[in-house]
Amino acid sequence: MGALRIHEYADLDAVALADLVRTGLVSAAEVEQTARAALERAHGDLNALTGPLFDPVPAYAPDGPLSGVPLVVKDSGPFVQGRAFCLGSRALVGAVAATDHTLMRRLRAAGLAVLGQSTVPELALSLATESRRYGITRNPWDPERGVGGSSGGAAALVAAGAVPLAHGTDGGGSLRVPASACGVVGLKPSRGRVPCGPLTGEAGFGMVSEFVLTRTVRDAAHLLDAVSAPAVGEKYALPPPRRPYAQAVRADPGRLRVAFTTTPWAPTTVDDQVREAVLTSAHLLEWIGHTVQEAGPDLDHEDAVEAMTLLAVSTGATLLSGTPPPDPGALQVLSRRVLSETRRRSAMDVMAGMQAQHRLTRALGTFMEGYDVLVTPTLGRLPAPHGTLDANDEDHTLRSWLEQAARYAPFSAPANAAGLPALSLPLAQSREGLPIGVQFTAAPGREDVLLCLGAQLEQAAPWKERWPPWHV
């Protein structure tokens, strides 16, 4: 095959790259060399990496199912042993991961070559990847628009073709929101599907999931096969899937019961183009052969805000328990508000937040008993211009910030509270040429349903050849 050119590399998903390496048509070293050039080119225009690429890369299994495939990890640390992390903040100085995250070990066992670290908003709190530490990460579809957050740098790099996979986390939409803003695939697994240890036993009161952003559904399926198994000592664990996820994407899901709604679970409106994308997707699902009905769960917005407050103060508690605690003068306004709220909250407040989370879990779980899949927008509007979600606005309280985030992404947080799997697919584009994500939610542990349906939609309305104006 000869040297792997950047445009050839960008056209291949992770499974295809691994096949080339396995058959000897290209070497892992050649893939790494091309990936480094692609990442550096993308970072120059998008500002999506936290610093120089890793050299050397952490050791990985040469016989893993995705051996030689490049990956970047999110600066949400601690994640990679011996590597510095700062959570996008100037207040965290000298922090280095003492051990590999459990997921990191599994990624290395799968053969993934971790080449660098992607940008995040400060403390991964915002749905906009704009921080004092790293500046603004730009969207390859429109450099004046945001990439979402908190896994924004990861989504920008995948959308631009710099890497086929990028690690991210999702506590209130932080994989799905960037996936929608950047036109890629974002799967938030069920609570307990992907381990969150070893240093954390319950990430964000069970609301945070770890996984990756991809350009194809099959990459998400193959990666989930490689990393999803209970870890020793994890508080939450799920039984194994009924069949490998890589088989699910090739299977017929049968006639699914599909509900769809564009009515937001927050006091806001949904952009007409976003609403139309969901309606078009519903018609497409009906055409494929599924039973489709307009319906949605009755979810309490106050419960959602209280659950997200609980998630925020869990971040604050982690920071305040460190030695030394962060210097407030080096933090952005939102981060300072989170720390103040954390100090103010009593045990009774925490219990009230947990009860709000439970109410959302029961309401959404009860609704899903009648349906296999719930279809909604991922975002309520198009990708926001830079500065729309300003984490340094002195006028914001934590409550007003969460309300603003809910107006931007009114459909994402309940799946975190309930621990349900949710998948954002880049099924539409706006008249301006901006990506629009459609979200699919299933019952606990039913990632197989989402991936199977996602593969159907990927075939019926393909997006892989839809490149942003800026790509490698």
Protein backbone atom coordinates (compact mmCIF):
# COMPACT_ATOMS: atom_id res chain seq x y z
CA MET A 1 0.00 0.00 0.00
CA GLY A 2 2.94 2.32 0.58
CA ALA A 3 3.01 5.35 2.86
CA LEU A 4 -0.34 6.22 4.41
CA ARG A 5 -1.36 9.71 3.30
CA ILE A 6 -3.33 11.92 5.66
CA HIS A 7 -6.46 11.99 3.52
CA GLU A 8 -6.37 8.19 3.18
CA TYR A 9 -5.93 7.84 6.93
CA ALA A 10 -8.81 10.22 7.70
CA ASP A 11 -11.19 8.25 5.46
CA LEU A 12 -10.69 5.07 7.53
CA ASP A 13 -12.47 4.29 10.76
CA ALA A 14 -10.77 2.45 13.62
CA VAL A 15 -11.87 -1.02 12.46
CA ALA A 16 -10.54 -0.40 8.96
CA LEU A 17 -7.22 0.94 10.28
CA ALA A 18 -6.82 -2.07 12.56
CA ASP A 19 -7.49 -4.39 9.62
CA LEU A 20 -4.74 -2.71 7.60
CA VAL A 21 -2.27 -3.09 10.45
CA ARG A 22 -3.26 -6.70 11.14
CA THR A 23 -2.86 -7.73 7.48
CA GLY A 24 0.48 -5.93 7.18
CA LEU A 25 -0.61 -3.49 4.48
CA VAL A 26 0.60 -0.70 6.75
CA SER A 27 2.55 -0.81 9.98
CA ALA A 28 1.45 0.58 13.32
CA ALA A 29 4.44 2.93 13.13
CA GLU A 30 3.22 4.31 9.79
CA VAL A 31 -0.26 4.87 11.20
CA GLU A 32 1.21 6.64 14.21
CA GLN A 33 3.37 8.88 12.04
CA THR A 34 0.40 9.91 9.89
CA ALA A 35 -1.82 10.40 12.94
CA ARG A 36 0.76 12.68 14.55
CA ALA A 37 0.87 14.86 11.44
CA ALA A 38 -2.94 14.95 11.29
CA LEU A 39 -3.27 15.89 14.97
CA GLU A 40 -0.69 18.65 14.77
CA ARG A 41 -2.36 20.05 11.66
CA ALA A 42 -5.79 19.99 13.29
CA HIS A 43 -4.58 21.50 16.54
CA GLY A 44 -2.99 24.40 14.68
CA ASP A 45 -6.40 25.54 13.47
CA LEU A 46 -8.82 24.12 16.05
CA ASN A 47 -6.87 24.40 19.34
CA ALA A 48 -8.04 20.97 20.51
CA LEU A 49 -4.93 19.53 22.24
CA THR A 50 -3.64 20.44 25.69
CA GLY A 51 0.03 20.36 24.73
CA PRO A 52 2.67 18.37 22.85
CA LEU A 53 1.79 14.87 21.74
CA PHE A 54 2.96 11.98 23.93
CA ASP A 55 6.38 10.69 23.00
CA PRO A 56 6.69 7.80 23.39
CA VAL A 57 3.10 6.60 23.50
CA PRO A 58 2.11 4.45 26.49
CA ALA A 59 2.76 0.78 25.77
CA TYR A 60 -0.15 -1.11 24.22
CA ALA A 61 -0.91 -4.70 23.28
CA PRO A 62 0.36 -5.46 19.76
CA ASP A 63 -2.20 -8.25 19.38
CA GLY A 64 -5.25 -6.31 20.60
CA PRO A 65 -8.38 -6.13 18.41
CA LEU A 66 -7.68 -2.47 17.57
CA SER A 67 -3.89 -2.62 17.70
CA GLY A 68 -2.15 0.42 16.30
CA VAL A 69 -5.27 2.60 16.13
CA PRO A 70 -4.57 6.15 17.42
CA LEU A 71 -6.58 7.72 20.24
CA VAL A 72 -6.53 10.90 22.30
CA VAL A 73 -7.71 11.05 25.91
CA LYS A 74 -9.61 13.82 27.62
CA ASP A 75 -7.94 16.14 30.12
CA SER A 76 -10.38 14.99 32.80
CA GLY A 77 -7.70 12.97 34.65
CA PRO A 78 -6.23 11.25 36.40
CA PHE A 79 -6.19 8.87 33.46
CA VAL A 80 -2.74 7.92 32.11
CA GLN A 81 -0.09 6.93 34.65
CA GLY A 82 2.74 9.44 34.81
CA ARG A 83 0.96 12.02 32.67
CA ALA A 84 0.06 15.48 33.94
CA PHE A 85 -3.54 16.66 33.91
CA CYS A 86 -5.21 19.91 34.92
CA LEU A 87 -8.94 19.57 34.14
CA GLY A 88 -8.63 22.60 31.90
CA SER A 89 -7.75 24.79 34.89
CA ARG A 90 -4.86 27.07 35.82
CA ALA A 91 -5.55 26.18 39.47
CA LEU A 92 -4.32 22.58 39.17
CA VAL A 93 -0.55 22.70 39.02
CA GLY A 94 1.71 19.67 39.13
CA ALA A 95 -1.05 17.05 39.17
CA VAL A 96 0.14 13.75 37.71
CA ALA A 97 -1.78 10.50 37.46
CA ALA A 98 -0.32 7.97 39.92
CA THR A 99 -1.86 5.01 38.11
CA ASP A 100 -3.78 4.16 34.97
CA HIS A 101 -7.54 4.54 35.01
CA THR A 102 -9.19 1.11 34.65
CA LEU A 103 -10.55 2.17 31.25
CA MET A 104 -7.03 3.22 30.22
CA ARG A 105 -5.76 -0.26 30.97
CA ARG A 106 -8.47 -1.72 28.79
CA LEU A 107 -7.80 0.70 25.96
CA ARG A 108 -4.15 -0.30 26.01
CA ALA A 109 -5.10 -3.99 26.12
CA ALA A 110 -7.25 -3.38 23.03
CA GLY A 111 -4.15 -2.08 21.28
CA LEU A 112 -4.98 1.61 21.12
CA ALA A 113 -2.07 4.02 20.80
CA VAL A 114 -2.71 7.04 23.03
CA LEU A 115 -1.06 9.98 21.28
CA GLY A 116 -2.18 12.99 23.28
CA GLN A 117 -4.71 14.79 25.43
CA SER A 118 -7.75 16.81 24.32
CA THR A 119 -9.05 20.11 25.65
CA VAL A 120 -11.90 20.54 28.12
CA PRO A 121 -13.66 23.48 29.80
CA GLU A 122 -12.44 24.23 33.32
CA LEU A 123 -13.19 21.31 35.67
CA ALA A 124 -15.26 19.78 32.82
CA LEU A 125 -18.23 21.78 34.12
CA SER A 126 -19.38 23.57 30.98
CA LEU A 127 -21.07 22.65 27.71
CA ALA A 128 -18.62 24.99 25.96
CA THR A 129 -14.93 24.11 25.61
CA GLU A 130 -13.61 27.59 26.37
CA SER A 131 -11.21 28.00 29.29
CA ARG A 132 -8.62 30.42 30.57
CA ARG A 133 -6.12 27.59 30.54
CA TYR A 134 -6.43 26.60 26.88
CA GLY A 135 -8.57 29.26 25.26
CA ILE A 136 -11.31 28.48 22.75
CA THR A 137 -11.53 25.19 20.88
CA ARG A 138 -12.95 25.88 17.42
CA ASN A 139 -15.54 23.89 15.51
CA PRO A 140 -14.37 22.47 12.16
CA TRP A 141 -17.85 23.18 10.74
CA ASP A 142 -17.65 26.87 11.63
CA PRO A 143 -14.70 28.36 13.56
CA GLU A 144 -17.02 30.96 15.12
CA ARG A 145 -19.13 28.22 16.74
CA GLY A 146 -18.46 26.15 19.83
CA VAL A 147 -17.69 22.44 19.91
CA GLY A 148 -19.84 21.71 22.94
CA GLY A 149 -18.49 20.31 26.17
CA SER A 150 -17.07 18.97 28.14
CA SER A 151 -15.49 16.51 25.67
CA GLY A 152 -15.18 19.29 23.10
CA GLY A 153 -11.57 18.90 22.02
CA ALA A 154 -12.17 15.20 21.48
CA ALA A 155 -15.20 15.82 19.26
CA ALA A 156 -13.40 18.46 17.18
CA LEU A 157 -10.48 16.11 16.48
CA VAL A 158 -12.74 13.22 15.46
CA ALA A 159 -14.89 15.48 13.26
CA ALA A 160 -11.79 16.83 11.52
CA GLY A 161 -10.47 13.32 10.80
CA ALA A 162 -7.39 13.72 13.00
CA VAL A 163 -8.25 10.55 14.96
CA PRO A 164 -10.98 7.94 14.47
CA LEU A 165 -11.58 7.65 18.23
CA ALA A 166 -11.32 10.06 21.14
CA HIS A 167 -11.97 9.36 24.80
CA GLY A 168 -14.56 11.41 26.65
CA THR A 169 -16.81 11.47 29.68
CA ASP A 170 -20.50 12.29 30.05
CA GLY A 171 -22.08 13.61 33.24
CA GLY A 172 -24.91 15.70 31.78
CA GLY A 173 -24.38 15.35 28.04
CA SER A 174 -20.62 15.80 27.80
CA LEU A 175 -20.20 13.15 25.07
CA ARG A 176 -23.52 13.67 23.27
CA VAL A 177 -23.50 17.48 23.21
CA PRO A 178 -20.08 17.71 21.50
CA ALA A 179 -21.09 14.85 19.19
CA SER A 180 -24.10 16.89 18.07
CA ALA A 181 -22.16 20.15 17.76
CA CYS A 182 -19.38 18.52 15.71
CA GLY A 183 -21.34 15.98 13.67
CA VAL A 184 -19.96 12.73 15.09
CA VAL A 185 -21.26 9.68 16.97
CA GLY A 186 -21.52 9.97 20.76
CA LEU A 187 -22.58 7.02 22.91
CA LYS A 188 -23.12 7.42 26.65
CA PRO A 189 -23.16 3.87 28.05
CA SER A 190 -25.44 2.69 30.83
CA ARG A 191 -24.40 3.20 34.42
CA GLY A 192 -22.08 0.33 35.26
CA ARG A 193 -21.29 -0.67 31.67
CA VAL A 194 -17.82 0.92 31.51
CA PRO A 195 -15.74 1.05 34.73
CA CYS A 196 -14.96 4.37 36.39
CA GLY A 197 -12.19 3.18 38.79
CA PRO A 198 -9.82 2.56 40.33
CA LEU A 199 -9.69 5.88 42.20
CA THR A 200 -13.42 6.59 41.89
CA GLY A 201 -16.08 4.18 43.06
CA GLU A 202 -19.08 6.25 42.02
CA ALA A 203 -18.36 9.02 39.53
CA GLY A 204 -20.70 11.94 40.12
CA PHE A 205 -23.16 9.92 42.22
CA GLY A 206 -23.34 7.40 39.38
CA MET A 207 -24.19 10.02 36.75
CA VAL A 208 -20.84 10.08 34.92
CA SER A 209 -20.02 7.57 32.19
CA GLU A 210 -16.75 7.08 30.32
CA PHE A 211 -16.46 6.16 26.66
CA VAL A 212 -15.36 7.56 23.27
CA LEU A 213 -16.51 9.66 20.34
CA THR A 214 -16.37 8.06 16.88
CA ARG A 215 -17.32 8.72 13.26
CA THR A 216 -18.99 5.34 12.72
CA VAL A 217 -21.40 3.22 14.73
CA ARG A 218 -19.34 0.07 14.22
CA ASP A 219 -16.32 1.71 15.87
CA ALA A 220 -18.43 2.44 18.94
CA ALA A 221 -19.60 -1.19 18.98
CA HIS A 222 -16.12 -2.71 18.64
CA LEU A 223 -14.68 -0.41 21.29
CA LEU A 224 -17.53 -1.17 23.70
CA ASP A 225 -16.80 -4.90 23.26
CA ALA A 226 -13.20 -4.21 24.22
CA VAL A 227 -13.80 -2.18 27.40
CA SER A 228 -17.18 -3.10 28.88
CA ALA A 229 -16.95 -5.60 31.69
CA PRO A 230 -17.39 -5.22 35.44
CA ALA A 231 -14.25 -4.28 37.34
CA VAL A 232 -13.37 -5.55 40.78
CA GLY A 233 -14.76 -3.27 43.46
CA GLU A 234 -17.02 -1.19 41.19
CA LYS A 235 -20.24 -0.09 42.91
CA TYR A 236 -22.27 -0.52 39.74
CA ALA A 237 -22.04 -3.43 37.31
CA LEU A 238 -24.25 -4.83 34.57
CA PRO A 239 -24.57 -8.36 33.20
CA PRO A 240 -22.80 -8.93 29.87
CA PRO A 241 -24.67 -8.11 26.67
CA ARG A 242 -26.78 -10.75 24.98
CA ARG A 243 -24.26 -10.91 22.15
CA PRO A 244 -21.11 -8.99 21.21
CA TYR A 245 -21.88 -5.43 20.18
CA ALA A 246 -19.92 -5.94 16.96
CA GLN A 247 -22.53 -8.57 16.05
CA ALA A 248 -25.41 -6.30 17.08
CA VAL A 249 -24.52 -3.72 14.41
CA ARG A 250 -24.84 -6.43 11.76
CA ALA A 251 -28.13 -7.82 13.09
CA ASP A 252 -31.78 -7.03 12.39
CA PRO A 253 -33.26 -5.38 15.52
CA GLY A 254 -36.75 -6.48 14.58
CA ARG A 255 -39.73 -4.16 14.80
CA LEU A 256 -38.91 -1.73 17.60
CA ARG A 257 -41.38 0.35 19.61
CA VAL A 258 -40.16 3.91 19.10
CA ALA A 259 -41.37 7.04 20.89
CA PHE A 260 -40.33 10.49 19.79
CA THR A 261 -40.76 13.95 21.24
CA THR A 262 -39.45 17.43 20.62
CA THR A 263 -41.05 18.88 23.76
CA PRO A 264 -38.14 20.01 25.95
CA TRP A 265 -37.79 18.94 29.57
CA ALA A 266 -36.84 22.52 30.51
CA PRO A 267 -38.49 25.95 30.14
CA THR A 268 -37.13 26.66 26.66
CA THR A 269 -37.96 26.32 22.98
CA VAL A 270 -36.46 24.02 20.36
CA ASP A 271 -35.05 25.44 17.14
CA ASP A 272 -37.30 24.73 14.15
CA GLN A 273 -34.49 23.06 12.20
CA VAL A 274 -33.69 20.80 15.16
CA ARG A 275 -37.35 19.86 15.51
CA GLU A 276 -37.53 19.07 11.80
CA ALA A 277 -34.49 16.78 12.10
CA VAL A 278 -36.25 14.71 14.76
CA LEU A 279 -39.49 14.52 12.76
CA THR A 280 -37.56 13.43 9.67
CA SER A 281 -35.76 10.78 11.72
CA ALA A 282 -39.10 9.52 13.06
CA HIS A 283 -40.46 9.22 9.52
CA LEU A 284 -37.30 7.38 8.48
CA LEU A 285 -37.67 4.92 11.36
CA GLU A 286 -41.27 4.30 10.35
CA TRP A 287 -40.20 3.75 6.74
CA ILE A 288 -37.57 1.23 7.90
CA GLY A 289 -40.36 -0.73 9.59
CA HIS A 290 -40.48 0.30 13.23
CA THR A 291 -43.60 1.26 15.16
CA VAL A 292 -43.33 4.99 15.80
CA GLN A 293 -45.48 7.09 18.13
CA GLU A 294 -45.21 10.66 19.38
CA ALA A 295 -44.86 10.40 23.15
CA GLY A 296 -42.50 11.44 25.89
CA PRO A 297 -41.92 10.98 29.62
CA ASP A 298 -43.21 13.48 32.17
CA LEU A 299 -39.98 14.70 33.75
CA ASP A 300 -39.66 17.39 36.40
CA HIS A 301 -37.25 20.15 35.40
CA GLU A 302 -36.58 21.02 39.05
CA ASP A 303 -35.47 17.43 39.65
CA ALA A 304 -33.10 17.66 36.68
CA VAL A 305 -31.55 20.89 37.97
CA GLU A 306 -31.18 19.43 41.46
CA ALA A 307 -29.53 16.30 40.06
CA MET A 308 -27.08 18.39 38.02
CA THR A 309 -26.35 20.49 41.13
CA LEU A 310 -25.51 17.26 42.92
CA LEU A 311 -23.16 16.34 40.08
CA ALA A 312 -21.46 19.75 40.26
CA VAL A 313 -20.90 19.60 44.01
CA SER A 314 -19.42 16.12 43.66
CA THR A 315 -16.73 17.77 41.51
CA GLY A 316 -16.35 20.51 44.09
CA ALA A 317 -16.00 18.00 46.93
CA THR A 318 -13.27 16.13 45.06
CA LEU A 319 -11.31 19.35 44.58
CA LEU A 320 -11.77 20.60 48.14
CA SER A 321 -10.57 17.28 49.55
CA GLY A 322 -7.26 17.62 47.69
CA THR A 323 -4.03 18.85 49.22
CA PRO A 324 -3.73 21.73 48.81
CA PRO A 325 -7.20 22.81 47.65
CA PRO A 326 -7.23 24.91 44.46
CA ASP A 327 -6.48 28.61 44.63
CA PRO A 328 -9.84 30.37 44.03
CA GLY A 329 -8.03 33.28 42.40
CA ALA A 330 -6.88 31.00 39.60
CA LEU A 331 -10.39 29.65 38.93
CA GLN A 332 -13.07 30.92 36.59
CA VAL A 333 -16.33 32.25 38.01
CA LEU A 334 -18.34 29.08 37.44
CA SER A 335 -15.75 26.98 39.23
CA ARG A 336 -15.74 29.35 42.19
CA ARG A 337 -19.53 29.17 42.33
CA VAL A 338 -19.34 25.38 42.41
CA LEU A 339 -16.86 25.42 45.29
CA SER A 340 -19.00 27.89 47.23
CA GLU A 341 -22.11 25.78 46.68
CA THR A 342 -20.20 22.67 47.76
CA ARG A 343 -19.17 24.28 51.04
CA ARG A 344 -22.72 25.52 51.63
CA ARG A 345 -24.53 22.23 51.03
CA SER A 346 -25.47 20.08 54.00
CA ALA A 347 -25.95 16.33 54.19
CA MET A 348 -29.69 16.98 53.98
CA ASP A 349 -29.16 18.93 50.74
CA VAL A 350 -27.19 16.03 49.28
CA MET A 351 -29.94 13.60 50.26
CA ALA A 352 -32.51 15.86 48.58
CA GLY A 353 -30.40 15.84 45.41
CA MET A 354 -30.21 12.07 45.48
CA GLN A 355 -33.98 11.84 45.87
CA ALA A 356 -34.40 14.12 42.84
CA GLN A 357 -32.09 11.81 40.91
CA HIS A 358 -34.16 8.80 41.99
CA ARG A 359 -37.40 10.47 40.88
CA LEU A 360 -35.95 11.08 37.42
CA THR A 361 -34.71 7.49 37.31
CA ARG A 362 -38.16 6.12 38.16
CA ALA A 363 -40.01 8.41 35.75
CA LEU A 364 -37.76 7.73 32.79
CA GLY A 365 -37.48 4.03 33.60
CA THR A 366 -41.26 3.69 33.84
CA PHE A 367 -41.72 5.38 30.48
CA MET A 368 -39.14 3.11 28.82
CA GLU A 369 -41.11 0.04 29.90
CA GLY A 370 -43.49 0.84 27.06
CA TYR A 371 -40.87 1.54 24.38
CA ASP A 372 -37.58 0.19 23.11
CA VAL A 373 -36.21 3.59 22.09
CA LEU A 374 -36.97 7.23 22.83
CA VAL A 375 -35.98 9.75 20.12
CA THR A 376 -35.35 13.42 20.94
CA PRO A 377 -33.07 16.22 19.82
CA THR A 378 -29.60 16.07 21.32
CA LEU A 379 -29.32 19.87 21.54
CA GLY A 380 -32.26 22.24 21.56
CA ARG A 381 -30.55 24.54 19.09
CA LEU A 382 -27.67 24.78 16.64
CA PRO A 383 -24.05 24.84 17.90
CA ALA A 384 -23.67 28.01 19.95
CA PRO A 385 -21.37 30.88 18.96
CA HIS A 386 -18.34 31.30 21.19
CA GLY A 387 -19.10 33.14 24.41
CA THR A 388 -22.76 32.12 24.55
CA LEU A 389 -22.08 29.89 27.54
CA ASP A 390 -19.67 32.13 29.44
CA ALA A 391 -18.21 30.34 32.45
CA ASN A 392 -16.59 33.60 33.53
CA ASP A 393 -19.78 35.65 33.78
CA GLU A 394 -19.83 37.28 37.23
CA ASP A 395 -23.63 37.51 37.14
CA HIS A 396 -24.09 33.75 37.17
CA THR A 397 -24.98 31.70 40.19
CA LEU A 398 -24.61 27.92 39.92
CA ARG A 399 -28.39 27.71 39.55
CA SER A 400 -28.55 30.27 36.73
CA TRP A 401 -25.67 28.53 34.97
CA LEU A 402 -27.43 25.17 35.12
CA GLU A 403 -30.63 26.78 33.83
CA GLN A 404 -28.70 28.23 30.90
CA ALA A 405 -27.13 24.85 30.13
CA ALA A 406 -30.59 23.23 30.27
CA ARG A 407 -31.91 25.70 27.71
CA TYR A 408 -29.07 24.75 25.36
CA ALA A 409 -29.27 20.98 25.98
CA PRO A 410 -32.69 20.24 27.53
CA PHE A 411 -32.74 16.54 26.62
CA SER A 412 -29.44 15.13 27.86
CA ALA A 413 -29.21 15.20 31.68
CA PRO A 414 -32.09 12.81 32.57
CA ALA A 415 -30.29 9.86 30.94
CA ASN A 416 -27.34 10.54 33.26
CA ALA A 417 -29.54 10.70 36.33
CA ALA A 418 -31.31 7.48 35.36
CA GLY A 419 -28.19 5.68 34.17
CA LEU A 420 -29.69 4.90 30.77
CA PRO A 421 -27.68 4.48 27.56
CA ALA A 422 -28.09 7.31 25.07
CA LEU A 423 -26.67 7.77 21.57
CA SER A 424 -26.33 10.96 19.51
CA LEU A 425 -26.18 10.44 15.74
CA PRO A 426 -25.31 13.16 13.16
CA LEU A 427 -28.44 12.63 11.09
CA ALA A 428 -29.09 16.15 9.83
CA GLN A 429 -27.61 19.48 8.82
CA SER A 430 -28.98 22.98 9.12
CA ARG A 431 -29.47 25.38 6.23
CA GLU A 432 -26.20 26.98 7.37
CA GLY A 433 -24.43 23.63 6.95
CA LEU A 434 -24.11 22.98 10.69
CA PRO A 435 -24.52 19.46 12.12
CA ILE A 436 -27.67 18.50 14.02
CA GLY A 437 -27.59 15.49 16.32
CA VAL A 438 -30.58 13.30 17.11
CA GLN A 439 -30.57 11.45 20.45
CA PHE A 440 -31.72 7.87 21.00
CA THR A 441 -32.26 6.55 24.54
CA ALA A 442 -32.90 2.93 25.54
CA ALA A 443 -33.59 0.94 28.70
CA PRO A 444 -30.71 0.19 31.12
CA GLY A 445 -28.13 -2.15 29.64
CA ARG A 446 -29.58 -2.02 26.11
CA GLU A 447 -26.68 -0.47 24.25
CA ASP A 448 -27.18 -3.32 21.77
CA VAL A 449 -30.55 -1.87 20.75
CA LEU A 450 -29.07 1.59 20.21
CA LEU A 451 -26.09 0.32 18.23
CA CYS A 452 -28.23 -1.96 16.09
CA LEU A 453 -30.65 0.85 15.33
CA GLY A 454 -27.77 3.27 14.81
CA ALA A 455 -26.27 0.95 12.20
CA GLN A 456 -29.62 0.83 10.40
CA LEU A 457 -29.82 4.62 10.30
CA GLU A 458 -26.19 4.94 9.26
CA GLN A 459 -27.01 2.80 6.23
CA ALA A 460 -30.31 4.55 5.47
CA ALA A 461 -28.97 8.11 5.94
CA PRO A 462 -25.15 7.85 5.76
CA TRP A 463 -23.01 10.61 7.18
CA LYS A 464 -19.44 9.26 6.96
CA GLU A 465 -18.63 11.13 3.75
CA ARG A 466 -20.09 14.38 5.07
CA TRP A 467 -16.95 16.29 5.97
CA PRO A 468 -16.77 19.71 7.66
CA PRO A 469 -15.21 22.58 5.72
CA TRP A 470 -12.06 22.17 7.82
CA HIS A 471 -10.63 18.64 7.89
CA VAL A 472 -7.20 17.15 7.63
